[in-house]
N, C-alpha and C. Protein backbone atom coordinates (compact mmCIF):
# COMPACT_ATOMS: atom_id res chain seq x y z
N MET A 1 9.56 -38.12 48.27
CA MET A 1 8.24 -37.86 47.75
C MET A 1 7.39 -39.12 47.88
N ALA A 2 6.12 -38.94 48.17
CA ALA A 2 5.18 -40.05 48.28
C ALA A 2 4.06 -39.86 47.27
N CYS A 3 3.44 -40.95 46.90
CA CYS A 3 2.33 -40.90 45.95
C CYS A 3 1.00 -41.06 46.67
N LEU A 4 0.02 -40.31 46.21
CA LEU A 4 -1.34 -40.43 46.73
C LEU A 4 -2.03 -41.60 46.04
N SER A 5 -2.64 -42.47 46.82
CA SER A 5 -3.40 -43.58 46.23
C SER A 5 -4.69 -43.02 45.63
N ASP A 6 -5.31 -43.80 44.78
CA ASP A 6 -6.59 -43.40 44.19
C ASP A 6 -7.63 -43.18 45.28
N GLU A 7 -7.60 -44.01 46.32
CA GLU A 7 -8.55 -43.89 47.44
C GLU A 7 -8.37 -42.55 48.17
N VAL A 8 -7.12 -42.18 48.44
CA VAL A 8 -6.84 -40.92 49.13
C VAL A 8 -7.25 -39.74 48.25
N LYS A 9 -6.90 -39.79 46.98
CA LYS A 9 -7.27 -38.70 46.06
C LYS A 9 -8.78 -38.55 45.96
N ALA A 10 -9.49 -39.66 45.87
CA ALA A 10 -10.95 -39.61 45.75
C ALA A 10 -11.59 -38.97 46.98
N LEU A 11 -11.12 -39.34 48.16
CA LEU A 11 -11.70 -38.75 49.37
C LEU A 11 -11.33 -37.28 49.48
N PHE A 12 -10.10 -36.92 49.15
CA PHE A 12 -9.67 -35.52 49.19
C PHE A 12 -10.58 -34.67 48.32
N GLU A 13 -10.89 -35.15 47.13
CA GLU A 13 -11.73 -34.38 46.22
C GLU A 13 -13.20 -34.40 46.64
N LYS A 14 -13.63 -35.44 47.34
CA LYS A 14 -15.03 -35.59 47.72
C LYS A 14 -15.43 -34.71 48.91
N VAL A 15 -14.56 -34.64 49.93
CA VAL A 15 -14.94 -33.89 51.14
C VAL A 15 -15.07 -32.40 50.82
N PRO A 16 -16.01 -31.72 51.49
CA PRO A 16 -16.21 -30.31 51.18
C PRO A 16 -15.08 -29.39 51.62
N ALA A 17 -14.33 -29.81 52.64
CA ALA A 17 -13.24 -28.96 53.15
C ALA A 17 -12.20 -29.82 53.85
N VAL A 18 -11.00 -29.27 53.95
CA VAL A 18 -9.89 -29.92 54.65
C VAL A 18 -9.35 -28.96 55.69
N VAL A 19 -8.59 -29.49 56.64
CA VAL A 19 -7.90 -28.66 57.62
C VAL A 19 -6.44 -28.56 57.17
N PHE A 20 -5.99 -27.33 56.99
CA PHE A 20 -4.62 -27.04 56.55
C PHE A 20 -3.83 -26.60 57.77
N ALA A 21 -2.88 -27.43 58.20
CA ALA A 21 -2.10 -27.16 59.40
C ALA A 21 -0.73 -26.61 59.03
N THR A 22 -0.40 -25.47 59.64
CA THR A 22 0.90 -24.84 59.45
C THR A 22 1.45 -24.49 60.83
N ALA A 23 2.71 -24.07 60.85
CA ALA A 23 3.31 -23.62 62.11
C ALA A 23 4.31 -22.51 61.80
N SER A 24 4.42 -21.58 62.72
CA SER A 24 5.41 -20.52 62.58
C SER A 24 6.80 -21.09 62.84
N THR A 25 7.82 -20.31 62.61
CA THR A 25 9.18 -20.78 62.88
C THR A 25 9.39 -20.99 64.38
N GLU A 26 8.57 -20.35 65.21
CA GLU A 26 8.65 -20.55 66.65
C GLU A 26 7.84 -21.76 67.11
N GLY A 27 7.14 -22.41 66.17
CA GLY A 27 6.37 -23.59 66.50
C GLY A 27 4.92 -23.32 66.86
N GLN A 28 4.45 -22.08 66.70
CA GLN A 28 3.06 -21.77 66.98
C GLN A 28 2.18 -22.38 65.90
N PRO A 29 1.28 -23.31 66.27
CA PRO A 29 0.45 -23.97 65.25
C PRO A 29 -0.71 -23.11 64.78
N ASN A 30 -1.20 -23.43 63.58
CA ASN A 30 -2.37 -22.77 63.02
C ASN A 30 -3.10 -23.78 62.15
N GLY A 31 -4.41 -23.77 62.22
CA GLY A 31 -5.23 -24.62 61.36
C GLY A 31 -6.23 -23.78 60.61
N SER A 32 -6.31 -23.96 59.31
CA SER A 32 -7.27 -23.23 58.47
C SER A 32 -8.17 -24.23 57.76
N ILE A 33 -9.42 -23.86 57.58
CA ILE A 33 -10.36 -24.69 56.84
C ILE A 33 -10.33 -24.22 55.39
N VAL A 34 -10.09 -25.15 54.46
CA VAL A 34 -9.97 -24.81 53.05
C VAL A 34 -10.95 -25.66 52.25
N GLY A 35 -11.80 -24.99 51.50
CA GLY A 35 -12.77 -25.68 50.67
C GLY A 35 -12.40 -25.75 49.20
N MET A 36 -11.61 -24.80 48.74
CA MET A 36 -11.17 -24.81 47.34
C MET A 36 -9.84 -25.54 47.27
N LYS A 37 -9.91 -26.80 46.85
CA LYS A 37 -8.73 -27.66 46.85
C LYS A 37 -8.83 -28.63 45.69
N PHE A 38 -7.66 -29.01 45.16
CA PHE A 38 -7.63 -29.88 44.00
C PHE A 38 -6.43 -30.82 44.06
N VAL A 39 -6.61 -32.02 43.54
CA VAL A 39 -5.50 -32.92 43.29
C VAL A 39 -4.90 -32.51 41.96
N ILE A 40 -3.62 -32.24 41.95
CA ILE A 40 -2.92 -31.86 40.71
C ILE A 40 -2.38 -33.11 40.01
N ASP A 41 -1.73 -33.98 40.78
CA ASP A 41 -1.22 -35.25 40.27
C ASP A 41 -1.00 -36.18 41.45
N ASP A 42 -0.34 -37.30 41.23
CA ASP A 42 -0.15 -38.30 42.29
C ASP A 42 0.71 -37.81 43.45
N GLU A 43 1.43 -36.70 43.25
CA GLU A 43 2.36 -36.22 44.27
C GLU A 43 2.10 -34.78 44.70
N THR A 44 1.02 -34.17 44.19
CA THR A 44 0.81 -32.74 44.43
C THR A 44 -0.67 -32.44 44.64
N ILE A 45 -0.95 -31.61 45.67
CA ILE A 45 -2.29 -31.07 45.87
C ILE A 45 -2.18 -29.54 45.86
N TYR A 46 -3.32 -28.89 45.67
CA TYR A 46 -3.36 -27.44 45.62
C TYR A 46 -4.47 -26.95 46.54
N LEU A 47 -4.16 -25.94 47.36
CA LEU A 47 -5.12 -25.29 48.23
C LEU A 47 -5.18 -23.82 47.85
N SER A 48 -6.38 -23.34 47.53
CA SER A 48 -6.54 -21.95 47.10
C SER A 48 -6.60 -21.00 48.30
N ASP A 49 -6.01 -19.85 48.12
CA ASP A 49 -5.97 -18.82 49.17
C ASP A 49 -6.93 -17.69 48.84
N GLN A 50 -7.94 -17.54 49.66
CA GLN A 50 -8.82 -16.40 49.60
C GLN A 50 -8.64 -15.52 50.84
N PHE A 51 -8.33 -16.16 51.98
CA PHE A 51 -8.32 -15.44 53.25
C PHE A 51 -7.11 -15.75 54.14
N PHE A 52 -6.08 -16.38 53.62
CA PHE A 52 -4.93 -16.73 54.47
C PHE A 52 -4.29 -15.49 55.06
N LYS A 53 -4.08 -15.49 56.35
CA LYS A 53 -3.31 -14.44 57.04
C LYS A 53 -2.18 -15.13 57.79
N LYS A 54 -2.51 -15.71 58.97
CA LYS A 54 -1.49 -16.47 59.71
C LYS A 54 -0.96 -17.61 58.86
N THR A 55 -1.85 -18.25 58.12
CA THR A 55 -1.46 -19.37 57.27
C THR A 55 -0.41 -18.95 56.26
N LEU A 56 -0.64 -17.83 55.60
CA LEU A 56 0.32 -17.34 54.60
C LEU A 56 1.65 -17.00 55.25
N ALA A 57 1.62 -16.31 56.37
CA ALA A 57 2.87 -15.98 57.07
C ALA A 57 3.62 -17.25 57.46
N ASN A 58 2.88 -18.25 57.94
CA ASN A 58 3.52 -19.50 58.33
C ASN A 58 4.13 -20.22 57.13
N VAL A 59 3.39 -20.31 56.03
CA VAL A 59 3.90 -21.02 54.84
C VAL A 59 5.16 -20.34 54.31
N LYS A 60 5.18 -19.02 54.34
CA LYS A 60 6.37 -18.30 53.86
C LYS A 60 7.56 -18.50 54.79
N ALA A 61 7.30 -18.73 56.09
CA ALA A 61 8.38 -18.90 57.06
C ALA A 61 8.77 -20.36 57.27
N ASN A 62 7.81 -21.26 57.06
CA ASN A 62 8.02 -22.68 57.36
C ASN A 62 7.23 -23.50 56.35
N GLU A 63 7.92 -24.08 55.40
CA GLU A 63 7.25 -24.76 54.29
C GLU A 63 6.68 -26.14 54.64
N LYS A 64 6.98 -26.65 55.84
CA LYS A 64 6.46 -27.97 56.23
C LYS A 64 5.03 -27.82 56.73
N VAL A 65 4.11 -28.57 56.10
CA VAL A 65 2.69 -28.44 56.39
C VAL A 65 2.03 -29.81 56.47
N ALA A 66 0.78 -29.82 56.94
CA ALA A 66 -0.03 -31.03 56.95
C ALA A 66 -1.45 -30.66 56.52
N VAL A 67 -2.13 -31.61 55.92
CA VAL A 67 -3.52 -31.45 55.51
C VAL A 67 -4.27 -32.66 56.03
N VAL A 68 -5.38 -32.41 56.75
CA VAL A 68 -6.17 -33.49 57.34
C VAL A 68 -7.58 -33.44 56.77
N PHE A 69 -8.14 -34.63 56.46
CA PHE A 69 -9.50 -34.70 55.94
C PHE A 69 -10.10 -36.05 56.27
N TRP A 70 -11.43 -36.10 56.34
CA TRP A 70 -12.11 -37.32 56.74
C TRP A 70 -13.56 -37.30 56.31
N GLU A 71 -14.11 -38.49 56.24
CA GLU A 71 -15.54 -38.67 56.05
C GLU A 71 -15.87 -40.06 56.60
N GLY A 72 -16.84 -40.12 57.49
CA GLY A 72 -17.17 -41.39 58.10
C GLY A 72 -15.95 -41.98 58.78
N HIS A 73 -15.65 -43.24 58.47
CA HIS A 73 -14.51 -43.92 59.09
C HIS A 73 -13.20 -43.68 58.34
N ASP A 74 -13.27 -43.13 57.14
CA ASP A 74 -12.06 -42.88 56.36
C ASP A 74 -11.46 -41.53 56.74
N ALA A 75 -10.17 -41.53 57.05
CA ALA A 75 -9.49 -40.30 57.46
C ALA A 75 -8.01 -40.40 57.10
N TYR A 76 -7.47 -39.27 56.61
CA TYR A 76 -6.07 -39.24 56.19
C TYR A 76 -5.41 -37.93 56.60
N GLN A 77 -4.08 -38.01 56.68
CA GLN A 77 -3.26 -36.83 56.93
C GLN A 77 -2.13 -36.87 55.91
N ILE A 78 -1.99 -35.77 55.19
CA ILE A 78 -0.92 -35.62 54.21
C ILE A 78 0.12 -34.66 54.79
N HIS A 79 1.38 -35.06 54.76
CA HIS A 79 2.48 -34.17 55.13
C HIS A 79 3.20 -33.78 53.85
N GLY A 80 3.65 -32.53 53.78
CA GLY A 80 4.34 -32.12 52.58
C GLY A 80 5.06 -30.79 52.69
N ILE A 81 5.58 -30.38 51.55
CA ILE A 81 6.31 -29.11 51.44
C ILE A 81 5.45 -28.16 50.60
N ALA A 82 5.18 -26.98 51.17
CA ALA A 82 4.31 -25.99 50.54
C ALA A 82 5.10 -24.98 49.72
N HIS A 83 4.53 -24.65 48.59
CA HIS A 83 5.09 -23.61 47.71
C HIS A 83 3.96 -22.64 47.38
N TYR A 84 4.04 -21.42 47.92
CA TYR A 84 2.98 -20.42 47.70
C TYR A 84 3.18 -19.74 46.36
N VAL A 85 2.08 -19.55 45.63
CA VAL A 85 2.11 -18.85 44.34
C VAL A 85 1.00 -17.81 44.29
N ASP A 86 1.29 -16.69 43.66
CA ASP A 86 0.26 -15.68 43.43
C ASP A 86 0.44 -14.99 42.08
N GLU A 87 1.25 -15.62 41.22
CA GLU A 87 1.44 -15.13 39.86
C GLU A 87 2.02 -16.26 39.02
N GLY A 88 1.99 -16.05 37.73
CA GLY A 88 2.56 -17.04 36.81
C GLY A 88 1.51 -18.01 36.30
N PRO A 89 1.89 -18.77 35.28
CA PRO A 89 0.93 -19.66 34.61
C PRO A 89 0.35 -20.74 35.52
N GLU A 90 1.15 -21.30 36.42
CA GLU A 90 0.61 -22.34 37.29
C GLU A 90 -0.46 -21.77 38.22
N PHE A 91 -0.26 -20.55 38.70
CA PHE A 91 -1.28 -19.92 39.53
C PHE A 91 -2.50 -19.52 38.69
N GLU A 92 -2.28 -18.93 37.54
CA GLU A 92 -3.39 -18.45 36.71
C GLU A 92 -4.35 -19.57 36.34
N ALA A 93 -3.82 -20.76 36.07
CA ALA A 93 -4.68 -21.90 35.73
C ALA A 93 -5.59 -22.26 36.91
N GLN A 94 -5.04 -22.26 38.12
CA GLN A 94 -5.84 -22.58 39.31
C GLN A 94 -6.81 -21.44 39.64
N LYS A 95 -6.36 -20.20 39.49
CA LYS A 95 -7.20 -19.04 39.77
C LYS A 95 -8.44 -19.04 38.88
N GLU A 96 -8.24 -19.35 37.60
CA GLU A 96 -9.37 -19.38 36.67
C GLU A 96 -10.41 -20.41 37.12
N LYS A 97 -9.94 -21.58 37.54
CA LYS A 97 -10.83 -22.63 38.00
C LYS A 97 -11.58 -22.19 39.27
N VAL A 98 -10.85 -21.67 40.24
CA VAL A 98 -11.44 -21.25 41.52
C VAL A 98 -12.42 -20.11 41.32
N ASP A 99 -12.01 -19.08 40.59
CA ASP A 99 -12.89 -17.93 40.35
C ASP A 99 -14.16 -18.36 39.62
N GLY A 100 -14.04 -19.31 38.69
CA GLY A 100 -15.20 -19.81 37.98
C GLY A 100 -16.18 -20.52 38.90
N ILE A 101 -15.66 -21.31 39.84
CA ILE A 101 -16.53 -22.00 40.80
C ILE A 101 -17.25 -20.99 41.68
N PHE A 102 -16.52 -19.99 42.18
CA PHE A 102 -17.16 -18.96 43.00
C PHE A 102 -18.23 -18.21 42.20
N ALA A 103 -17.95 -17.91 40.94
CA ALA A 103 -18.92 -17.20 40.10
C ALA A 103 -20.19 -18.04 39.93
N GLN A 104 -20.04 -19.34 39.71
CA GLN A 104 -21.20 -20.23 39.58
C GLN A 104 -22.02 -20.26 40.86
N MET A 105 -21.35 -20.09 41.99
CA MET A 105 -22.03 -20.08 43.29
C MET A 105 -22.68 -18.73 43.58
N GLY A 106 -22.36 -17.73 42.76
CA GLY A 106 -22.88 -16.39 42.99
C GLY A 106 -22.17 -15.67 44.12
N VAL A 107 -20.93 -16.07 44.40
CA VAL A 107 -20.15 -15.50 45.50
C VAL A 107 -19.06 -14.59 44.92
N PRO A 108 -18.99 -13.34 45.36
CA PRO A 108 -18.01 -12.41 44.79
C PRO A 108 -16.62 -12.53 45.42
N ILE A 109 -16.09 -13.73 45.46
CA ILE A 109 -14.77 -13.98 46.04
C ILE A 109 -13.83 -14.38 44.92
N LYS A 110 -12.59 -13.92 45.01
CA LYS A 110 -11.57 -14.26 44.02
C LYS A 110 -10.36 -14.87 44.72
N ALA A 111 -9.69 -15.77 44.03
CA ALA A 111 -8.45 -16.35 44.55
C ALA A 111 -7.36 -15.29 44.52
N LYS A 112 -6.63 -15.15 45.62
CA LYS A 112 -5.52 -14.20 45.63
C LYS A 112 -4.16 -14.89 45.59
N GLY A 113 -4.17 -16.20 45.74
CA GLY A 113 -2.96 -17.00 45.70
C GLY A 113 -3.32 -18.45 45.94
N GLY A 114 -2.31 -19.24 46.17
CA GLY A 114 -2.56 -20.64 46.47
C GLY A 114 -1.29 -21.35 46.85
N VAL A 115 -1.46 -22.57 47.35
CA VAL A 115 -0.35 -23.36 47.82
C VAL A 115 -0.32 -24.70 47.09
N PHE A 116 0.77 -24.95 46.39
CA PHE A 116 1.03 -26.28 45.86
C PHE A 116 1.78 -27.04 46.94
N ILE A 117 1.29 -28.21 47.28
CA ILE A 117 1.94 -29.03 48.31
C ILE A 117 2.46 -30.29 47.67
N THR A 118 3.77 -30.47 47.76
CA THR A 118 4.41 -31.70 47.30
C THR A 118 4.35 -32.69 48.46
N VAL A 119 3.74 -33.84 48.21
CA VAL A 119 3.47 -34.82 49.25
C VAL A 119 4.75 -35.56 49.66
N ASP A 120 5.05 -35.52 50.96
CA ASP A 120 6.17 -36.27 51.53
C ASP A 120 5.73 -37.60 52.13
N ALA A 121 4.52 -37.60 52.72
CA ALA A 121 4.03 -38.81 53.39
C ALA A 121 2.52 -38.73 53.52
N VAL A 122 1.89 -39.89 53.59
CA VAL A 122 0.45 -39.98 53.83
C VAL A 122 0.24 -40.95 54.99
N TYR A 123 -0.62 -40.57 55.92
CA TYR A 123 -0.93 -41.38 57.09
C TYR A 123 -2.43 -41.65 57.15
N THR A 124 -2.79 -42.80 57.69
CA THR A 124 -4.19 -43.04 57.97
C THR A 124 -4.51 -42.41 59.31
N SER A 125 -5.65 -41.78 59.41
CA SER A 125 -6.08 -41.16 60.67
C SER A 125 -7.36 -41.79 61.18
N ALA A 126 -7.80 -42.86 60.54
CA ALA A 126 -9.02 -43.55 60.98
C ALA A 126 -8.75 -44.23 62.31
N SER A 127 -9.78 -44.32 63.13
CA SER A 127 -9.63 -44.97 64.43
C SER A 127 -9.34 -46.45 64.25
N GLY A 128 -8.72 -47.04 65.23
CA GLY A 128 -8.42 -48.46 65.18
C GLY A 128 -6.94 -48.73 65.29
N PRO A 129 -6.56 -49.98 65.14
CA PRO A 129 -5.16 -50.36 65.37
C PRO A 129 -4.16 -49.78 64.38
N THR A 130 -4.62 -49.32 63.20
CA THR A 130 -3.69 -48.74 62.23
C THR A 130 -3.67 -47.21 62.27
N ALA A 131 -4.39 -46.62 63.20
CA ALA A 131 -4.42 -45.16 63.31
C ALA A 131 -3.01 -44.60 63.42
N GLY A 132 -2.72 -43.64 62.57
CA GLY A 132 -1.41 -43.01 62.58
C GLY A 132 -0.35 -43.71 61.76
N ASP A 133 -0.68 -44.84 61.16
CA ASP A 133 0.29 -45.56 60.34
C ASP A 133 0.56 -44.82 59.05
N GLN A 134 1.82 -44.78 58.64
CA GLN A 134 2.17 -44.21 57.35
C GLN A 134 1.80 -45.20 56.25
N ILE A 135 1.05 -44.71 55.25
CA ILE A 135 0.63 -45.59 54.15
C ILE A 135 1.29 -45.22 52.83
N ALA A 136 1.98 -44.11 52.78
CA ALA A 136 2.72 -43.73 51.57
C ALA A 136 3.84 -42.78 51.95
């Protein structure tokens, strides 16, 4: 398990969306854009599911995932293990938050599930000599 630095957590929460990368058991890649996302703690992030299709099938078949996000020169990639939820108290707490945000936006969308990702590693993705270096 790796810990997210305050800098990584701040950028993750600041950017409007992240790219959620998954792969099937056959290795077919998929990337989804996710805007409803939260830092849960130093080792866990959450991505809300409103429209996952291939993504959901991939997460259920292959729990190894990556999340990429950037702004300006700052860029990171998180690798981790995904755990999909669509019931229970941990999901209900996130669903309430997500549904409330959509309601405030006047958008009739509801969370149907979500992915808790336990962080295994964090890499810098910014250009330059440290690009791709593991930082956690």
